[in-house]
C-alpha atoms as a PDB file:
ATOM      1  CA  MET A   1      -0.096 145.855 -19.773  1.00  0.00           C
ATOM      2  CA  ASN A   2       3.104 145.485 -17.931  1.00  0.00           C
ATOM      3  CA  PRO A   3       4.123 141.859 -18.546  1.00  0.00           C
ATOM      4  CA  LEU A   4       5.613 141.619 -15.168  1.00  0.00           C
ATOM      5  CA  ARG A   5       2.131 142.118 -13.745  1.00  0.00           C
ATOM      6  CA  LYS A   6       0.962 138.890 -15.535  1.00  0.00           C
ATOM      7  CA  PRO A   7       0.082 136.042 -13.084  1.00  0.00           C
ATOM      8  CA  ALA A   8       2.019 133.426 -15.336  1.00  0.00           C
ATOM      9  CA  VAL A   9       4.928 135.461 -14.910  1.00  0.00           C
ATOM     10  CA  HIS A  10       4.443 135.825 -11.074  1.00  0.00           C
ATOM     11  CA  PHE A  11       3.939 131.991 -10.927  1.00  0.00           C
ATOM     12  CA  VAL A  12       7.380 131.357 -12.831  1.00  0.00           C
ATOM     13  CA  ALA A  13       9.265 133.643 -10.452  1.00  0.00           C
ATOM     14  CA  LEU A  14       7.754 131.996  -7.474  1.00  0.00           C
ATOM     15  CA  GLY A  15       8.752 128.728  -8.633  1.00  0.00           C
ATOM     16  CA  LEU A  16      12.407 130.004  -9.655  1.00  0.00           C
ATOM     17  CA  VAL A  17      12.665 131.476  -5.749  1.00  0.00           C
ATOM     18  CA  LEU A  18      11.397 128.137  -4.316  1.00  0.00           C
ATOM     19  CA  TYR A  19      13.784 126.137  -6.507  1.00  0.00           C
ATOM     20  CA  LEU A  20      16.879 128.038  -5.587  1.00  0.00           C
ATOM     21  CA  ALA A  21      15.881 127.924  -1.896  1.00  0.00           C
ATOM     22  CA  LYS A  22      15.644 124.317  -2.096  1.00  0.00           C
ATOM     23  CA  ALA A  23      18.930 123.940  -3.937  1.00  0.00           C
ATOM     24  CA  ALA A  24      20.669 126.192  -1.181  1.00  0.00           C
ATOM     25  CA  VAL A  25      19.210 123.613   1.472  1.00  0.00           C
ATOM     26  CA  TYR A  26      19.350 120.456  -0.704  1.00  0.00           C
ATOM     27  CA  PRO A  27      22.159 120.549  -3.234  1.00  0.00           C
ATOM     28  CA  LEU A  28      21.696 118.891  -6.440  1.00  0.00           C
ATOM     29  CA  GLU A  29      22.771 115.393  -6.451  1.00  0.00           C
ATOM     30  CA  SER A  30      25.044 115.739  -9.459  1.00  0.00           C
ATOM     31  CA  SER A  31      26.756 118.484  -7.632  1.00  0.00           C
ATOM     32  CA  LEU A  32      27.705 116.079  -4.697  1.00  0.00           C
ATOM     33  CA  PRO A  33      31.174 114.143  -4.889  1.00  0.00           C
ATOM     34  CA  ALA A  34      30.276 110.676  -6.252  1.00  0.00           C
ATOM     35  CA  GLN A  35      31.082 108.043  -3.683  1.00  0.00           C
ATOM     36  CA  THR A  36      33.837 105.755  -5.023  1.00  0.00           C
ATOM     37  CA  VAL A  37      32.784 102.230  -5.367  1.00  0.00           C
ATOM     38  CA  ILE A  38      35.197  99.412  -4.708  1.00  0.00           C
ATOM     39  CA  VAL A  39      34.248  96.037  -6.146  1.00  0.00           C
ATOM     40  CA  ILE A  40      35.888  92.939  -5.098  1.00  0.00           C
ATOM     41  CA  GLU A  41      35.297  90.631  -7.839  1.00  0.00           C
ATOM     42  CA  ALA A  42      34.223  86.939  -7.514  1.00  0.00           C
ATOM     43  CA  ALA A  43      37.443  85.689  -9.273  1.00  0.00           C
ATOM     44  CA  ARG A  44      39.485  87.743  -6.649  1.00  0.00           C
ATOM     45  CA  VAL A  45      37.385  85.838  -3.890  1.00  0.00           C
ATOM     46  CA  GLU A  46      38.347  82.659  -5.443  1.00  0.00           C
ATOM     47  CA  GLU A  47      41.908  83.363  -5.697  1.00  0.00           C
ATOM     48  CA  LEU A  48      42.006  84.282  -2.015  1.00  0.00           C
ATOM     49  CA  ARG A  49      40.558  80.979  -1.253  1.00  0.00           C
ATOM     50  CA  ARG A  50      43.219  79.267  -3.511  1.00  0.00           C
ATOM     51  CA  ASP A  51      45.942  81.095  -2.060  1.00  0.00           C
ATOM     52  CA  TRP A  52      44.837  80.035   1.517  1.00  0.00           C
ATOM     53  CA  LEU A  53      44.733  76.384   0.143  1.00  0.00           C
ATOM     54  CA  ALA A  54      48.228  76.576  -1.249  1.00  0.00           C
ATOM     55  CA  ARG A  55      49.774  77.854   2.048  1.00  0.00           C
ATOM     56  CA  SER A  56      47.764  76.028   4.650  1.00  0.00           C
ATOM     57  CA  GLY A  57      46.854  72.771   2.698  1.00  0.00           C
ATOM     58  CA  SER A  58      43.332  72.985   3.362  1.00  0.00           C
ATOM     59  CA  LEU A  59      40.305  75.461   2.219  1.00  0.00           C
ATOM     60  CA  PRO A  60      39.385  78.349   4.666  1.00  0.00           C
ATOM     61  CA  SER A  61      36.321  77.942   6.876  1.00  0.00           C
ATOM     62  CA  GLU A  62      33.418  80.199   5.929  1.00  0.00           C
ATOM     63  CA  ARG A  63      34.509  82.684   8.701  1.00  0.00           C
ATOM     64  CA  GLY A  64      38.022  82.196   7.618  1.00  0.00           C
ATOM     65  CA  LEU A  65      37.073  83.354   3.850  1.00  0.00           C
ATOM     66  CA  GLU A  66      35.218  86.214   5.356  1.00  0.00           C
ATOM     67  CA  ALA A  67      38.395  87.192   7.143  1.00  0.00           C
ATOM     68  CA  LEU A  68      40.384  87.050   4.030  1.00  0.00           C
ATOM     69  CA  VAL A  69      37.769  89.124   2.324  1.00  0.00           C
ATOM     70  CA  ARG A  70      37.794  91.569   4.951  1.00  0.00           C
ATOM     71  CA  SER A  71      41.579  92.039   4.817  1.00  0.00           C
ATOM     72  CA  GLU A  72      41.298  92.551   1.063  1.00  0.00           C
ATOM     73  CA  VAL A  73      38.704  95.172   1.388  1.00  0.00           C
ATOM     74  CA  ASP A  74      40.791  96.963   3.920  1.00  0.00           C
ATOM     75  CA  ASP A  75      43.650  97.080   1.581  1.00  0.00           C
ATOM     76  CA  ARG A  76      41.473  98.271  -1.338  1.00  0.00           C
ATOM     77  CA  LEU A  77      40.289 101.070   0.916  1.00  0.00           C
ATOM     78  CA  LEU A  78      43.877 102.191   1.875  1.00  0.00           C
ATOM     79  CA  ILE A  79      44.713 101.815  -1.892  1.00  0.00           C
ATOM     80  CA  GLU A  80      41.896 104.265  -2.836  1.00  0.00           C
ATOM     81  CA  GLU A  81      42.375 106.704  -0.067  1.00  0.00           C
ATOM     82  CA  ALA A  82      46.107 107.006  -1.058  1.00  0.00           C
ATOM     83  CA  ARG A  83      45.266 107.490  -4.555  1.00  0.00           C
ATOM     84  CA  ARG A  84      42.688 110.207  -3.606  1.00  0.00           C
ATOM     85  CA  ARG A  85      45.543 112.092  -2.035  1.00  0.00           C
ATOM     86  CA  GLY A  86      47.789 111.639  -4.979  1.00  0.00           C
ATOM     87  CA  LEU A  87      50.320 109.505  -3.303  1.00  0.00           C
ATOM     88  CA  HIS A  88      50.444 107.179  -6.216  1.00  0.00           C
ATOM     89  CA  ARG A  89      51.973 110.143  -8.102  1.00  0.00           C
ATOM     90  CA  SER A  90      53.912 111.863  -5.417  1.00  0.00           C
ATOM     91  CA  ASP A  91      55.602 108.973  -3.420  1.00  0.00           C
ATOM     92  CA  PRO A  92      59.216 108.525  -4.455  1.00  0.00           C
ATOM     93  CA  VAL A  93      59.196 104.725  -3.878  1.00  0.00           C
ATOM     94  CA  VAL A  94      56.295 104.477  -6.198  1.00  0.00           C
ATOM     95  CA  GLN A  95      57.984 106.604  -8.705  1.00  0.00           C
ATOM     96  CA  ARG A  96      61.034 104.390  -8.628  1.00  0.00           C
ATOM     97  CA  ARG A  97      59.106 101.414  -9.129  1.00  0.00           C
ATOM     98  CA  LEU A  98      57.004 102.720 -12.018  1.00  0.00           C
ATOM     99  CA  LEU A  99      60.387 103.779 -13.623  1.00  0.00           C
ATOM    100  CA  GLN A 100      61.855 100.535 -13.239  1.00  0.00           C
ATOM    101  CA  ASN A 101      58.939  99.048 -14.899  1.00  0.00           C
ATOM    102  CA  MET A 102      59.086 101.551 -17.801  1.00  0.00           C
ATOM    103  CA  LYS A 103      62.824 100.488 -18.055  1.00  0.00           C
ATOM    104  CA  PHE A 104      62.155  96.807 -18.237  1.00  0.00           C
ATOM    105  CA  LEU A 105      59.717  97.451 -21.001  1.00  0.00           C
ATOM    106  CA  GLY A 106      62.222  99.259 -23.003  1.00  0.00           C
ATOM    107  CA  ASP A 107      60.303 102.344 -23.044  1.00  0.00           C
ATOM    108  CA  ALA A 108      62.617 104.334 -21.132  1.00  0.00           C
ATOM    109  CA  ALA A 109      65.180 105.588 -23.814  1.00  0.00           C
ATOM    110  CA  GLY A 110      65.047 109.249 -24.759  1.00  0.00           C
ATOM    111  CA  SER A 111      62.316 110.445 -22.733  1.00  0.00           C
ATOM    112  CA  SER A 112      62.289 112.144 -19.333  1.00  0.00           C
ATOM    113  CA  ALA A 113      61.223 110.801 -15.909  1.00  0.00           C
ATOM    114  CA  ALA A 114      57.987 112.715 -16.116  1.00  0.00           C
ATOM    115  CA  THR A 115      57.103 111.314 -19.278  1.00  0.00           C
ATOM    116  CA  GLN A 116      57.844 107.939 -18.517  1.00  0.00           C
ATOM    117  CA  LEU A 117      55.651 108.281 -15.154  1.00  0.00           C
ATOM    118  CA  ASP A 118      52.789 109.637 -17.126  1.00  0.00           C
ATOM    119  CA  GLU A 119      53.066 106.822 -19.540  1.00  0.00           C
ATOM    120  CA  ALA A 120      53.267 104.370 -16.686  1.00  0.00           C
ATOM    121  CA  HIS A 121      49.995 105.770 -15.431  1.00  0.00           C
ATOM    122  CA  ARG A 122      48.321 105.831 -18.617  1.00  0.00           C
ATOM    123  CA  LEU A 123      49.183 102.018 -18.924  1.00  0.00           C
ATOM    124  CA  GLY A 124      47.601 101.595 -15.393  1.00  0.00           C
ATOM    125  CA  MET A 125      50.873 100.069 -13.784  1.00  0.00           C
ATOM    126  CA  ASP A 126      50.044 102.306 -10.570  1.00  0.00           C
ATOM    127  CA  ARG A 127      47.033  99.985 -10.060  1.00  0.00           C
ATOM    128  CA  SER A 128      48.238  96.780 -11.329  1.00  0.00           C
ATOM    129  CA  ASP A 129      51.806  96.683  -9.833  1.00  0.00           C
ATOM    130  CA  LEU A 130      51.862  94.544  -6.554  1.00  0.00           C
ATOM    131  CA  VAL A 131      54.697  96.354  -5.212  1.00  0.00           C
ATOM    132  CA  VAL A 132      52.912  99.847  -5.770  1.00  0.00           C
ATOM    133  CA  ARG A 133      49.884  98.540  -4.219  1.00  0.00           C
ATOM    134  CA  ARG A 134      51.476  97.343  -1.157  1.00  0.00           C
ATOM    135  CA  ARG A 135      53.526 100.770  -0.990  1.00  0.00           C
ATOM    136  CA  LEU A 136      50.189 102.672  -0.994  1.00  0.00           C
ATOM    137  CA  VAL A 137      48.815 100.500   1.794  1.00  0.00           C
ATOM    138  CA  GLN A 138      51.900 100.766   3.824  1.00  0.00           C
ATOM    139  CA  LEU A 139      51.878 104.644   3.608  1.00  0.00           C
ATOM    140  CA  LEU A 140      48.479 104.873   5.114  1.00  0.00           C
ATOM    141  CA  GLN A 141      49.293 102.352   7.731  1.00  0.00           C
ATOM    142  CA  LEU A 142      52.424 104.411   8.528  1.00  0.00           C
ATOM    143  CA  GLU A 143      50.415 107.356   8.952  1.00  0.00           C
ATOM    144  CA  ALA A 144      48.134 105.807  11.383  1.00  0.00           C
ATOM    145  CA  TYR A 145      50.855 104.460  13.435  1.00  0.00           C
ATOM    146  CA  GLY A 146      52.669 107.878  13.365  1.00  0.00           C
ATOM    147  CA  ARG A 147      49.446 109.593  14.774  1.00  0.00           C
ATOM    148  CA  ALA A 148      49.481 106.996  17.707  1.00  0.00           C
ATOM    149  CA  ARG A 149      52.894 107.869  18.759  1.00  0.00           C
ATOM    150  CA  VAL A 150      51.695 111.502  19.953  1.00  0.00           C
ATOM    151  CA  PRO A 151      51.699 112.078  22.841  1.00  0.00           C
ATOM    152  CA  GLU A 152      54.409 109.637  23.965  1.00  0.00           C
ATOM    153  CA  PRO A 153      53.131 107.414  26.753  1.00  0.00           C
ATOM    154  CA  SER A 154      53.431 108.854  30.444  1.00  0.00           C
ATOM    155  CA  GLU A 155      55.197 106.762  33.110  1.00  0.00           C
ATOM    156  CA  ALA A 156      51.871 106.088  34.494  1.00  0.00           C
ATOM    157  CA  GLU A 157      50.666 104.696  31.388  1.00  0.00           C
ATOM    158  CA  LEU A 158      53.681 102.506  31.178  1.00  0.00           C
ATOM    159  CA  GLU A 159      53.157 100.943  34.665  1.00  0.00           C
ATOM    160  CA  THR A 160      49.541 100.485  33.925  1.00  0.00           C
ATOM    161  CA  TYR A 161      50.115  98.701  30.467  1.00  0.00           C
ATOM    162  CA  LEU A 162      52.768  96.454  32.244  1.00  0.00           C
ATOM    163  CA  ALA A 163      50.380  95.455  35.068  1.00  0.00           C
ATOM    164  CA  LEU A 164      47.482  94.920  32.605  1.00  0.00           C
ATOM    165  CA  HIS A 165      49.946  92.576  30.435  1.00  0.00           C
ATOM    166  CA  SER A 166      52.093  90.972  32.880  1.00  0.00           C
ATOM    167  CA  ASP A 167      51.885  87.567  31.027  1.00  0.00           C
ATOM    168  CA  ARG A 168      53.503  89.078  28.223  1.00  0.00           C
ATOM    169  CA  PHE A 169      56.516  90.506  30.198  1.00  0.00           C
ATOM    170  CA  MET A 170      57.052  87.973  32.754  1.00  0.00           C
ATOM    171  CA  GLN A 171      60.503  86.635  33.096  1.00  0.00           C
ATOM    172  CA  PRO A 172      60.436  82.629  33.097  1.00  0.00           C
ATOM    173  CA  ALA A 173      61.798  80.399  35.711  1.00  0.00           C
ATOM    174  CA  ARG A 174      65.394  79.727  35.408  1.00  0.00           C
ATOM    175  CA  LEU A 175      68.113  77.499  37.009  1.00  0.00           C
ATOM    176  CA  ARG A 176      71.673  76.814  37.190  1.00  0.00           C
ATOM    177  CA  LEU A 177      72.921  73.211  36.647  1.00  0.00           C
ATOM    178  CA  HIS A 178      75.909  71.309  35.990  1.00  0.00           C
ATOM    179  CA  HIS A 179      75.594  67.921  33.854  1.00  0.00           C
ATOM    180  CA  VAL A 180      77.897  64.992  32.933  1.00  0.00           C
ATOM    181  CA  TYR A 181      77.258  63.807  29.363  1.00  0.00           C
ATOM    182  CA  PHE A 182      77.325  60.027  28.278  1.00  0.00           C
ATOM    183  CA  SER A 183      77.360  59.700  24.367  1.00  0.00           C
ATOM    184  CA  ARG A 184      74.771  57.697  22.581  1.00  0.00           C
ATOM    185  CA  ASP A 185      76.876  57.665  19.615  1.00  0.00           C
ATOM    186  CA  GLY A 186      80.093  56.506  21.584  1.00  0.00           C
ATOM    187  CA  ARG A 187      78.549  54.011  23.989  1.00  0.00           C
ATOM    188  CA  GLY A 188      75.420  52.773  22.053  1.00  0.00           C
ATOM    189  CA  ALA A 189      73.048  51.097  24.180  1.00  0.00           C
ATOM    190  CA  ALA A 190      75.306  51.076  27.208  1.00  0.00           C
ATOM    191  CA  ALA A 191      75.218  54.668  27.546  1.00  0.00           C
ATOM    192  CA  GLU A 192      72.312  54.639  30.046  1.00  0.00           C
ATOM    193  CA  ALA A 193      73.674  51.843  32.230  1.00  0.00           C
ATOM    194  CA  ASP A 194      77.120  53.750  32.242  1.00  0.00           C
ATOM    195  CA  ALA A 195      75.263  56.682  33.452  1.00  0.00           C
ATOM    196  CA  ARG A 196      73.654  55.005  36.350  1.00  0.00           C
ATOM    197  CA  ALA A 197      77.011  53.191  37.357  1.00  0.00           C
ATOM    198  CA  ALA A 198      78.665  56.642  37.393  1.00  0.00           C
ATOM    199  CA  LEU A 199      75.810  58.118  39.464  1.00  0.00           C
ATOM    200  CA  VAL A 200      76.663  55.244  42.109  1.00  0.00           C
ATOM    201  CA  ARG A 201      80.097  56.281  42.247  1.00  0.00           C
ATOM    202  CA  ILE A 202      79.480  60.136  42.498  1.00  0.00           C
ATOM    203  CA  VAL A 203      76.985  59.656  45.363  1.00  0.00           C
ATOM    204  CA  ALA A 204      79.279  57.015  47.045  1.00  0.00           C
ATOM    205  CA  LYS A 205      82.034  59.829  47.156  1.00  0.00           C
ATOM    206  CA  ALA A 206      79.307  62.119  48.732  1.00  0.00           C
ATOM    207  CA  ASN A 207      80.096  64.622  46.015  1.00  0.00           C
ATOM    208  CA  VAL A 208      77.679  67.496  46.626  1.00  0.00           C
ATOM    209  CA  SER A 209      79.712  70.144  45.175  1.00  0.00           C
ATOM    210  CA  GLY A 210      78.077  69.671  41.824  1.00  0.00           C
ATOM    211  CA  SER A 211      81.047  68.812  39.870  1.00  0.00           C
ATOM    212  CA  ALA A 212      82.036  65.308  38.529  1.00  0.00           C
ATOM    213  CA  ASP A 213      84.555  66.006  35.913  1.00  0.00           C
ATOM    214  CA  ASP A 214      86.210  62.738  35.775  1.00  0.00           C
ATOM    215  CA  GLU A 215      83.063  61.098  34.705  1.00  0.00           C
ATOM    216  CA  GLY A 216      81.323  61.136  31.297  1.00  0.00           C
ATOM    217  CA  ASP A 217      82.302  62.131  27.858  1.00  0.00           C
ATOM    218  CA  PRO A 218      83.531  65.428  26.170  1.00  0.00           C
ATOM    219  CA  PHE A 219      80.362  67.540  25.092  1.00  0.00           C
ATOM    220  CA  MET A 220      80.170  70.467  22.595  1.00  0.00           C
ATOM    221  CA  PHE A 221      78.568  72.478  25.159  1.00  0.00           C
ATOM    222  CA  PRO A 222      79.825  73.573  28.691  1.00  0.00           C
ATOM    223  CA  ARG A 223      79.030  71.316  31.655  1.00  0.00           C
ATOM    224  CA  ASP A 224      78.318  74.168  34.014  1.00  0.00           C
ATOM    225  CA  MET A 225      75.060  75.936  32.470  1.00  0.00           C
ATOM    226  CA  ALA A 226      74.110  79.202  34.261  1.00  0.00           C
ATOM    227  CA  SER A 227      70.864  80.892  34.434  1.00  0.00           C
ATOM    228  CA  ARG A 228      68.927  78.976  31.804  1.00  0.00           C
ATOM    229  CA  SER A 229      65.061  78.923  31.335  1.00  0.00           C
ATOM    230  CA  GLU A 230      63.229  75.880  30.302  1.00  0.00           C
ATOM    231  CA  ARG A 231      63.040  77.240  26.677  1.00  0.00           C
ATOM    232  CA  GLU A 232      66.654  77.851  26.362  1.00  0.00           C
ATOM    233  CA  LEU A 233      67.324  74.361  27.804  1.00  0.00           C
ATOM    234  CA  ALA A 234      65.037  72.961  25.210  1.00  0.00           C
ATOM    235  CA  LYS A 235      66.896  74.703  22.352  1.00  0.00           C
ATOM    236  CA  THR A 236      70.031  72.929  23.299  1.00  0.00           C
ATOM    237  CA  PHE A 237      68.951  69.424  24.697  1.00  0.00           C
ATOM    238  CA  GLY A 238      65.578  69.155  23.624  1.00  0.00           C
ATOM    239  CA  ALA A 239      61.998  69.723  25.148  1.00  0.00           C
ATOM    240  CA  GLU A 240      61.588  66.566  27.082  1.00  0.00           C
ATOM    241  CA  PHE A 241      65.080  67.083  28.764  1.00  0.00           C
ATOM    242  CA  ALA A 242      64.015  70.623  29.827  1.00  0.00           C
ATOM    243  CA  GLY A 243      60.881  69.644  31.132  1.00  0.00           C
ATOM    244  CA  GLU A 244      62.276  66.820  33.220  1.00  0.00           C
ATOM    245  CA  VAL A 245      65.428  68.719  34.338  1.00  0.00           C
ATOM    246  CA  PHE A 246      62.897  71.559  35.715  1.00  0.00           C
ATOM    247  CA  GLU A 247      61.202  68.890  38.112  1.00  0.00           C
ATOM    248  CA  LEU A 248      64.500  67.700  39.631  1.00  0.00           C
ATOM    249  CA  PRO A 249      65.260  68.455  43.202  1.00  0.00           C
ATOM    250  CA  ILE A 250      67.671  71.341  44.068  1.00  0.00           C
ATOM    251  CA  GLY A 251      71.094  70.445  45.672  1.00  0.00           C
ATOM    252  CA  GLY A 252      71.891  66.726  44.474  1.00  0.00           C
ATOM    253  CA  TRP A 253      72.715  64.624  41.656  1.00  0.00           C
ATOM    254  CA  SER A 254      69.867  63.073  39.604  1.00  0.00           C
ATOM    255  CA  GLY A 255      69.513  61.176  36.515  1.00  0.00           C
ATOM    256  CA  PRO A 256      70.083  59.977  33.975  1.00  0.00           C
ATOM    257  CA  VAL A 257      68.117  62.297  32.047  1.00  0.00           C
ATOM    258  CA  ALA A 258      67.946  61.471  28.155  1.00  0.00           C
ATOM    259  CA  SER A 259      68.478  64.485  25.738  1.00  0.00           C
ATOM    260  CA  ALA A 260      68.885  64.584  21.737  1.00  0.00           C
ATOM    261  CA  TYR A 261      72.477  63.610  22.171  1.00  0.00           C
ATOM    262  CA  GLY A 262      72.564  60.932  24.831  1.00  0.00           C
ATOM    263  CA  GLU A 263      72.247  60.566  28.672  1.00  0.00           C
ATOM    264  CA  HIS A 264      73.175  63.138  31.448  1.00  0.00           C
ATOM    265  CA  LEU A 265      73.369  63.245  35.201  1.00  0.00           C
ATOM    266  CA  VAL A 266      72.373  66.417  36.354  1.00  0.00           C
ATOM    267  CA  PHE A 267      72.943  68.673  39.548  1.00  0.00           C
ATOM    268  CA  VAL A 268      70.521  71.525  39.995  1.00  0.00           C
ATOM    269  CA  HIS A 269      72.355  74.263  42.086  1.00  0.00           C
ATOM    270  CA  SER A 270      69.528  76.733  42.282  1.00  0.00           C
ATOM    271  CA  ARG A 271      66.231  77.566  40.763  1.00  0.00           C
ATOM    272  CA  SER A 272      64.438  80.906  40.565  1.00  0.00           C
ATOM    273  CA  PRO A 273      60.732  81.313  40.064  1.00  0.00           C
ATOM    274  CA  ALA A 274      59.010  83.115  37.287  1.00  0.00           C
ATOM    275  CA  ALA A 275      58.823  86.897  38.156  1.00  0.00           C
ATOM    276  CA  LEU A 276      57.276  90.085  36.487  1.00  0.00           C
ATOM    277  CA  PRO A 277      60.491  92.634  36.229  1.00  0.00           C
ATOM    278  CA  PRO A 278      60.298  96.173  37.232  1.00  0.00           C
ATOM    279  CA  LEU A 279      59.539  98.537  34.596  1.00  0.00           C
ATOM    280  CA  GLY A 280      62.927  99.837  34.273  1.00  0.00           C
ATOM    281  CA  VAL A 281      64.241  96.514  32.991  1.00  0.00           C
ATOM    282  CA  VAL A 282      61.509  96.152  30.186  1.00  0.00           C
ATOM    283  CA  ARG A 283      60.648  99.622  29.512  1.00  0.00           C
ATOM    284  CA  ARG A 284      61.779  99.532  25.786  1.00  0.00           C
ATOM    285  CA  GLU A 285      59.622  96.445  25.312  1.00  0.00           C
ATOM    286  CA  VAL A 286      56.547  97.966  27.284  1.00  0.00           C
ATOM    287  CA  PHE A 287      56.837 101.342  25.404  1.00  0.00           C
ATOM    288  CA  GLU A 288      56.980  99.471  21.760  1.00  0.00           C
ATOM    289  CA  SER A 289      54.171  97.327  22.684  1.00  0.00           C
ATOM    290  CA  LEU A 290      51.894 100.071  23.892  1.00  0.00           C
ATOM    291  CA  LEU A 291      52.555 102.070  20.787  1.00  0.00           C
ATOM    292  CA  ALA A 292      51.840  99.068  18.496  1.00  0.00           C
ATOM    293  CA  GLU A 293      48.313  98.784  20.085  1.00  0.00           C
ATOM    294  CA  ARG A 294      47.746 102.556  19.898  1.00  0.00           C
ATOM    295  CA  GLY A 295      48.645 102.079  16.222  1.00  0.00           C
ATOM    296  CA  LYS A 296      46.396  99.336  15.654  1.00  0.00           C
ATOM    297  CA  ARG A 297      43.543 101.243  17.232  1.00  0.00           C
ATOM    298  CA  ALA A 298      44.265 104.169  14.972  1.00  0.00           C
ATOM    299  CA  LEU A 299      44.249 102.269  11.711  1.00  0.00           C
ATOM    300  CA  ARG A 300      41.035 100.504  12.857  1.00  0.00           C
ATOM    301  CA  GLU A 301      39.593 104.026  13.324  1.00  0.00           C
ATOM    302  CA  THR A 302      41.093 104.950   9.767  1.00  0.00           C
ATOM    303  CA  LEU A 303      39.414 102.015   8.241  1.00  0.00           C
ATOM    304  CA  ARG A 304      36.219 102.622   9.928  1.00  0.00           C
ATOM    305  CA  GLU A 305      36.101 106.306   8.738  1.00  0.00           C
ATOM    306  CA  LEU A 306      36.942 105.179   5.195  1.00  0.00           C
ATOM    307  CA  ARG A 307      33.971 102.678   5.305  1.00  0.00           C
ATOM    308  CA  GLY A 308      31.762 105.761   5.443  1.00  0.00           C
ATOM    309  CA  ASP A 309      33.684 107.389   2.382  1.00  0.00           C
ATOM    310  CA  TYR A 310      33.704 104.582   0.107  1.00  0.00           C
ATOM    311  CA  THR A 311      30.896 102.110  -1.123  1.00  0.00           C
ATOM    312  CA  VAL A 312      32.057  98.438  -1.164  1.00  0.00           C
ATOM    313  CA  ARG A 313      30.544  95.690  -3.088  1.00  0.00           C
ATOM    314  CA  ILE A 314      31.510  92.034  -3.096  1.00  0.00           C
ATOM    315  CA  GLU A 315      30.414  89.947  -6.054  1.00  0.00           C
ATOM    316  CA  GLY A 316      28.240  87.216  -5.017  1.00  0.00           C
ATOM    317  CA  ARG A 317      28.794  87.685  -1.067  1.00  0.00           C
ATOM    318  CA  ALA A 318      27.351  90.157   1.428  1.00  0.00           C
ATOM    319  CA  ALA A 319      30.046  92.574   2.984  1.00  0.00           C
ATOM    320  CA  PRO A 320      32.274  90.951   5.320  1.00  0.00           C
ATOM    321  CA  ASP A 321      31.529  91.414   9.181  1.00  0.00           C
ATOM    322  CA  SER A 322      34.015  94.252  10.394  1.00  0.00           C
ATOM    323  CA  SER A 323      34.234  92.382  13.793  1.00  0.00           C
ATOM    324  CA  ILE A 324      36.212  89.436  12.230  1.00  0.00           C
ATOM    325  CA  GLN A 325      39.783  89.883  12.744  1.00  0.00           C
ATOM    326  CA  ASP A 326      41.676  86.530  11.754  1.00  0.00           C
ATOM    327  CA  GLY A 327      41.558  84.199   8.873  1.00  0.00           C
ATOM    328  CA  GLY A 328      41.474  80.554   9.168  1.00  0.00           C
END
């Protein structure tokens, strides 16, 4: 009897056909690329908590800790992806760092750079060295930001961005003033009284020109201060002086106004209000700010894709909420 006609043979053949058909549609689990598992150890979470305490003087809130863990996960995702692409072996900055490490260990003499790099990888330096890890993160970040620069923003995009973020590019109110200084160090408690007496003399002379050079003491900064914002005045004289001066009337002498140095009589010549400059004045700032936002979006998209390619496990905690952005 022909063995091919036996029912048992037919059964085995049919089973083989069905198995092959199923394998074509549903590949064997072992033939699929295993998803890389990223583990954030409990000790690392505690280290993040301690680092925050050392920097800020207080422990992070639960939400703040979640943000710190999320940032750690983001870095680990970028590091693993950079390694998957072989950047830990091909990047010249990483190579130089590993060769420096090998030289420090005294293992560089008599061996080629390639041999030293192989030994550095065997020792796990490419995983443990902080500079290397930061470089791998940076490479993926730069790639995302590079993609965001193409195509360059159009004029219409820049104009729209400027309008939507006017508070970011608003030029502050500015004023021009003349001041007369009375030294607290030189006059002591009499500085304010001397300033008031000088104000009476200046007003009596009907001095509306904004100059009274025959009064007061020498000062390290000019008496005439042109086009100063409140912030700029605060850097020179202190915040209280700047705030008070911006409330003074225009075209007359006022004071005395106290600063970090002494007392001042102030003549405000003019004041210009805060205004949004035209695009031509702040084009570079608008251009770079828009590209920076594009880059952040591109990096978020990269991380979102990587979360689908890698499994993240955090010891003793649930996976962090991806919507959290800031620690604290």
